[in-house]
Amino acid sequence: MTRNLYEIHVTDILGNDIAMERYRGKVLLVVNVASRCGFTPQYEGLQALYQRYAARGLEVLGFPCNQFGAQEPGSEAEIQSFCSTSFGVQFPLFAKIDVNGSAAHPLYQFLKSEQSGLLGIEAIKWNFTKFLIDRDGNVVGRYAPTTTPEALTRDIEKLL
């Protein structure tokens, strides 16, 4: 497993290979998202953070995940349409991934190894778990799904 965020590649929602290197020098908020989750309204808060701080160097990265209660069953096109029409999402969305288990995406393997959750447990517990990453690629925070995007404002501002 890599120990460097910028060596990882991800696939965007349109199927393009994206090197995380693209985000070097940015503050990142990485979130596993779902369209049919009780926390789905957080898309609105995530978009608000993106609009407020993108010009100062924040990128919100949404990674759809269907591992929790099958809450993201749609195709990438359906996910993109839902996010755009329902919440006006403009931040980058990526192809569906697994965040836990043997097929967990390398990005999430890295994030979980850098910031474990409650009681030192690495596994992601549910959709809308959030990871905050500084401009140097260090994972500096992990937040539960119940933590609203608005609650991250102070931590984000410290990094910007």
C-alpha atoms as a PDB file:
ATOM      1  CA  MET A   1       0.000   0.000   0.000  1.00  0.00           C
ATOM      2  CA  THR A   2       1.193   3.467  -0.869  1.00  0.00           C
ATOM      3  CA  ARG A   3       2.171   5.963   1.817  1.00  0.00           C
ATOM      4  CA  ASN A   4       1.843   8.909  -0.570  1.00  0.00           C
ATOM      5  CA  LEU A   5      -1.541  10.315  -1.575  1.00  0.00           C
ATOM      6  CA  TYR A   6      -0.157  11.745  -4.793  1.00  0.00           C
ATOM      7  CA  GLU A   7       0.864   8.332  -6.190  1.00  0.00           C
ATOM      8  CA  ILE A   8      -2.772   7.172  -6.231  1.00  0.00           C
ATOM      9  CA  HIS A   9      -4.975   7.239  -9.324  1.00  0.00           C
ATOM     10  CA  VAL A  10      -8.763   7.455  -9.274  1.00  0.00           C
ATOM     11  CA  THR A  11     -11.445   7.306 -11.972  1.00  0.00           C
ATOM     12  CA  ASP A  12     -13.770  10.259 -12.332  1.00  0.00           C
ATOM     13  CA  ILE A  13     -17.492   9.849 -12.898  1.00  0.00           C
ATOM     14  CA  LEU A  14     -16.967  10.101 -16.672  1.00  0.00           C
ATOM     15  CA  GLY A  15     -14.442   7.242 -16.659  1.00  0.00           C
ATOM     16  CA  ASN A  16     -11.267   9.324 -16.935  1.00  0.00           C
ATOM     17  CA  ASP A  17      -8.115   8.340 -15.060  1.00  0.00           C
ATOM     18  CA  ILE A  18      -7.168  11.095 -12.622  1.00  0.00           C
ATOM     19  CA  ALA A  19      -3.867  11.240 -10.765  1.00  0.00           C
ATOM     20  CA  MET A  20      -4.293  12.560  -7.237  1.00  0.00           C
ATOM     21  CA  GLU A  21      -1.141  14.525  -8.078  1.00  0.00           C
ATOM     22  CA  ARG A  22      -3.574  16.941  -9.751  1.00  0.00           C
ATOM     23  CA  TYR A  23      -4.636  18.042  -6.258  1.00  0.00           C
ATOM     24  CA  ARG A  24      -1.166  18.693  -4.843  1.00  0.00           C
ATOM     25  CA  GLY A  25      -1.173  22.029  -3.029  1.00  0.00           C
ATOM     26  CA  LYS A  26      -4.934  21.924  -2.418  1.00  0.00           C
ATOM     27  CA  VAL A  27      -6.852  21.269   0.774  1.00  0.00           C
ATOM     28  CA  LEU A  28      -9.034  18.217   0.143  1.00  0.00           C
ATOM     29  CA  LEU A  29     -12.275  17.028   1.685  1.00  0.00           C
ATOM     30  CA  VAL A  30     -12.803  13.435   0.547  1.00  0.00           C
ATOM     31  CA  VAL A  31     -16.256  11.970   1.166  1.00  0.00           C
ATOM     32  CA  ASN A  32     -17.859   8.621   0.359  1.00  0.00           C
ATOM     33  CA  VAL A  33     -21.320   9.614  -0.827  1.00  0.00           C
ATOM     34  CA  ALA A  34     -24.656   7.988  -1.683  1.00  0.00           C
ATOM     35  CA  SER A  35     -27.887   9.167  -3.286  1.00  0.00           C
ATOM     36  CA  ARG A  36     -30.319   7.224  -1.104  1.00  0.00           C
ATOM     37  CA  CYS A  37     -28.845   7.721   2.348  1.00  0.00           C
ATOM     38  CA  GLY A  38     -30.245   9.522   5.358  1.00  0.00           C
ATOM     39  CA  PHE A  39     -27.196  11.771   5.099  1.00  0.00           C
ATOM     40  CA  THR A  40     -27.715  12.543   1.382  1.00  0.00           C
ATOM     41  CA  PRO A  41     -28.890  16.113   2.176  1.00  0.00           C
ATOM     42  CA  GLN A  42     -25.260  16.766   3.186  1.00  0.00           C
ATOM     43  CA  TYR A  43     -24.585  17.205  -0.539  1.00  0.00           C
ATOM     44  CA  GLU A  44     -26.022  20.692  -0.036  1.00  0.00           C
ATOM     45  CA  GLY A  45     -23.506  21.497   2.707  1.00  0.00           C
ATOM     46  CA  LEU A  46     -20.632  19.996   0.736  1.00  0.00           C
ATOM     47  CA  GLN A  47     -21.534  22.137  -2.268  1.00  0.00           C
ATOM     48  CA  ALA A  48     -21.753  25.213  -0.025  1.00  0.00           C
ATOM     49  CA  LEU A  49     -18.233  24.532   1.312  1.00  0.00           C
ATOM     50  CA  TYR A  50     -16.967  24.077  -2.234  1.00  0.00           C
ATOM     51  CA  GLN A  51     -18.534  27.346  -3.403  1.00  0.00           C
ATOM     52  CA  ARG A  52     -17.255  29.228  -0.378  1.00  0.00           C
ATOM     53  CA  TYR A  53     -13.658  27.954  -0.398  1.00  0.00           C
ATOM     54  CA  ALA A  54     -12.752  26.665  -3.871  1.00  0.00           C
ATOM     55  CA  ALA A  55     -11.134  29.961  -4.833  1.00  0.00           C
ATOM     56  CA  ARG A  56      -8.923  29.663  -1.738  1.00  0.00           C
ATOM     57  CA  GLY A  57      -7.788  26.127  -2.591  1.00  0.00           C
ATOM     58  CA  LEU A  58     -10.403  23.677  -1.269  1.00  0.00           C
ATOM     59  CA  GLU A  59     -11.454  20.713  -3.378  1.00  0.00           C
ATOM     60  CA  VAL A  60     -14.368  18.544  -2.302  1.00  0.00           C
ATOM     61  CA  LEU A  61     -14.090  15.062  -3.835  1.00  0.00           C
ATOM     62  CA  GLY A  62     -17.154  12.809  -3.797  1.00  0.00           C
ATOM     63  CA  PHE A  63     -16.746   9.043  -4.116  1.00  0.00           C
ATOM     64  CA  PRO A  64     -20.054   7.195  -4.529  1.00  0.00           C
ATOM     65  CA  CYS A  65     -20.210   3.952  -2.581  1.00  0.00           C
ATOM     66  CA  ASN A  66     -22.855   1.214  -2.590  1.00  0.00           C
ATOM     67  CA  GLN A  67     -21.434  -0.787   0.341  1.00  0.00           C
ATOM     68  CA  PHE A  68     -23.834   0.518   2.989  1.00  0.00           C
ATOM     69  CA  GLY A  69     -27.431  -0.604   2.636  1.00  0.00           C
ATOM     70  CA  ALA A  70     -27.220  -0.499  -1.181  1.00  0.00           C
ATOM     71  CA  GLN A  71     -27.792   3.248  -0.987  1.00  0.00           C
ATOM     72  CA  GLU A  72     -25.987   4.017  -4.244  1.00  0.00           C
ATOM     73  CA  PRO A  73     -27.414   1.516  -6.750  1.00  0.00           C
ATOM     74  CA  GLY A  74     -27.406   3.773  -9.817  1.00  0.00           C
ATOM     75  CA  SER A  75     -24.975   4.070 -12.685  1.00  0.00           C
ATOM     76  CA  GLU A  76     -22.396   6.837 -12.784  1.00  0.00           C
ATOM     77  CA  ALA A  77     -24.626   8.785 -15.212  1.00  0.00           C
ATOM     78  CA  GLU A  78     -27.597   8.461 -12.855  1.00  0.00           C
ATOM     79  CA  ILE A  79     -25.488   9.540  -9.879  1.00  0.00           C
ATOM     80  CA  GLN A  80     -24.149  12.567 -11.730  1.00  0.00           C
ATOM     81  CA  SER A  81     -27.633  13.593 -12.875  1.00  0.00           C
ATOM     82  CA  PHE A  82     -29.080  13.183  -9.378  1.00  0.00           C
ATOM     83  CA  CYS A  83     -26.324  15.243  -7.746  1.00  0.00           C
ATOM     84  CA  SER A  84     -26.559  17.988 -10.330  1.00  0.00           C
ATOM     85  CA  THR A  85     -30.342  18.318 -10.446  1.00  0.00           C
ATOM     86  CA  SER A  86     -31.094  17.682  -6.762  1.00  0.00           C
ATOM     87  CA  PHE A  87     -28.221  19.570  -5.114  1.00  0.00           C
ATOM     88  CA  GLY A  88     -26.460  21.610  -7.817  1.00  0.00           C
ATOM     89  CA  VAL A  89     -23.232  19.711  -7.180  1.00  0.00           C
ATOM     90  CA  GLN A  90     -20.291  21.240  -9.019  1.00  0.00           C
ATOM     91  CA  PHE A  91     -17.432  19.622  -7.108  1.00  0.00           C
ATOM     92  CA  PRO A  92     -15.726  16.591  -8.657  1.00  0.00           C
ATOM     93  CA  LEU A  93     -17.509  13.240  -8.465  1.00  0.00           C
ATOM     94  CA  PHE A  94     -15.827   9.933  -9.141  1.00  0.00           C
ATOM     95  CA  ALA A  95     -16.749   6.428 -10.218  1.00  0.00           C
ATOM     96  CA  LYS A  96     -18.324   4.181  -7.615  1.00  0.00           C
ATOM     97  CA  ILE A  97     -15.804   2.487  -5.356  1.00  0.00           C
ATOM     98  CA  ASP A  98     -15.575   0.158  -2.394  1.00  0.00           C
ATOM     99  CA  VAL A  99     -14.212   1.756   0.760  1.00  0.00           C
ATOM    100  CA  ASN A 100     -13.976  -1.413   2.874  1.00  0.00           C
ATOM    101  CA  GLY A 101     -13.012  -5.017   2.311  1.00  0.00           C
ATOM    102  CA  SER A 102     -10.562  -6.711   0.001  1.00  0.00           C
ATOM    103  CA  ALA A 103     -11.696  -4.609  -2.970  1.00  0.00           C
ATOM    104  CA  ALA A 104     -11.328  -1.273  -1.144  1.00  0.00           C
ATOM    105  CA  HIS A 105      -9.929   1.382  -3.456  1.00  0.00           C
ATOM    106  CA  PRO A 106      -6.261   2.278  -2.797  1.00  0.00           C
ATOM    107  CA  LEU A 107      -7.338   5.829  -1.941  1.00  0.00           C
ATOM    108  CA  TYR A 108      -9.475   4.546   0.916  1.00  0.00           C
ATOM    109  CA  GLN A 109      -6.822   2.071   1.997  1.00  0.00           C
ATOM    110  CA  PHE A 110      -4.499   5.056   2.326  1.00  0.00           C
ATOM    111  CA  LEU A 111      -7.021   7.319   4.075  1.00  0.00           C
ATOM    112  CA  LYS A 112      -8.022   4.684   6.629  1.00  0.00           C
ATOM    113  CA  SER A 113      -4.396   3.801   7.398  1.00  0.00           C
ATOM    114  CA  GLU A 114      -3.613   7.469   8.021  1.00  0.00           C
ATOM    115  CA  GLN A 115      -6.662   8.268  10.174  1.00  0.00           C
ATOM    116  CA  SER A 116      -8.472   5.506  11.999  1.00  0.00           C
ATOM    117  CA  GLY A 117     -11.948   6.033  13.320  1.00  0.00           C
ATOM    118  CA  LEU A 118     -13.477   5.716  16.755  1.00  0.00           C
ATOM    119  CA  LEU A 119     -11.599   3.321  19.048  1.00  0.00           C
ATOM    120  CA  GLY A 120      -8.875   2.910  16.425  1.00  0.00           C
ATOM    121  CA  ILE A 121     -11.127   1.058  13.994  1.00  0.00           C
ATOM    122  CA  GLU A 122     -10.075   1.674  10.411  1.00  0.00           C
ATOM    123  CA  ALA A 123     -13.250   0.499   8.644  1.00  0.00           C
ATOM    124  CA  ILE A 124     -15.606   3.105   7.275  1.00  0.00           C
ATOM    125  CA  LYS A 125     -18.875   2.780   9.180  1.00  0.00           C
ATOM    126  CA  TRP A 126     -21.284   4.467   6.746  1.00  0.00           C
ATOM    127  CA  ASN A 127     -21.611   6.849   3.822  1.00  0.00           C
ATOM    128  CA  PHE A 128     -20.633  10.486   4.266  1.00  0.00           C
ATOM    129  CA  THR A 129     -17.522   9.744   6.324  1.00  0.00           C
ATOM    130  CA  LYS A 130     -15.231  12.697   5.643  1.00  0.00           C
ATOM    131  CA  PHE A 131     -11.449  12.965   5.456  1.00  0.00           C
ATOM    132  CA  LEU A 132      -9.685  16.328   5.541  1.00  0.00           C
ATOM    133  CA  ILE A 133      -6.268  16.511   3.871  1.00  0.00           C
ATOM    134  CA  ASP A 134      -3.821  19.411   4.048  1.00  0.00           C
ATOM    135  CA  ARG A 135      -1.970  21.004   1.126  1.00  0.00           C
ATOM    136  CA  ASP A 136       0.934  18.560   1.574  1.00  0.00           C
ATOM    137  CA  GLY A 137      -1.205  15.429   1.289  1.00  0.00           C
ATOM    138  CA  ASN A 138      -1.372  14.681   5.021  1.00  0.00           C
ATOM    139  CA  VAL A 139      -4.658  13.328   6.344  1.00  0.00           C
ATOM    140  CA  VAL A 140      -5.374  15.654   9.262  1.00  0.00           C
ATOM    141  CA  GLY A 141      -8.950  14.764  10.144  1.00  0.00           C
ATOM    142  CA  ARG A 142     -11.578  12.059   9.914  1.00  0.00           C
ATOM    143  CA  TYR A 143     -15.197  12.913  10.627  1.00  0.00           C
ATOM    144  CA  ALA A 144     -18.228  10.723  11.220  1.00  0.00           C
ATOM    145  CA  PRO A 145     -21.206  10.762   8.853  1.00  0.00           C
ATOM    146  CA  THR A 146     -23.164  12.623  11.540  1.00  0.00           C
ATOM    147  CA  THR A 147     -20.679  15.528  11.385  1.00  0.00           C
ATOM    148  CA  THR A 148     -22.200  18.080   9.045  1.00  0.00           C
ATOM    149  CA  PRO A 149     -20.106  19.768   6.374  1.00  0.00           C
ATOM    150  CA  GLU A 150     -20.786  23.120   8.078  1.00  0.00           C
ATOM    151  CA  ALA A 151     -19.137  21.815  11.254  1.00  0.00           C
ATOM    152  CA  LEU A 152     -15.844  21.492   9.337  1.00  0.00           C
ATOM    153  CA  THR A 153     -15.584  25.205   8.535  1.00  0.00           C
ATOM    154  CA  ARG A 154     -13.094  26.045  11.294  1.00  0.00           C
ATOM    155  CA  ASP A 155     -10.823  23.096  10.468  1.00  0.00           C
ATOM    156  CA  ILE A 156     -10.897  23.932   6.757  1.00  0.00           C
ATOM    157  CA  GLU A 157     -10.127  27.596   7.361  1.00  0.00           C
ATOM    158  CA  LYS A 158      -7.076  26.668   9.446  1.00  0.00           C
ATOM    159  CA  LEU A 159      -5.662  24.780   6.460  1.00  0.00           C
ATOM    160  CA  LEU A 160      -6.437  27.438   3.869  1.00  0.00           C
END
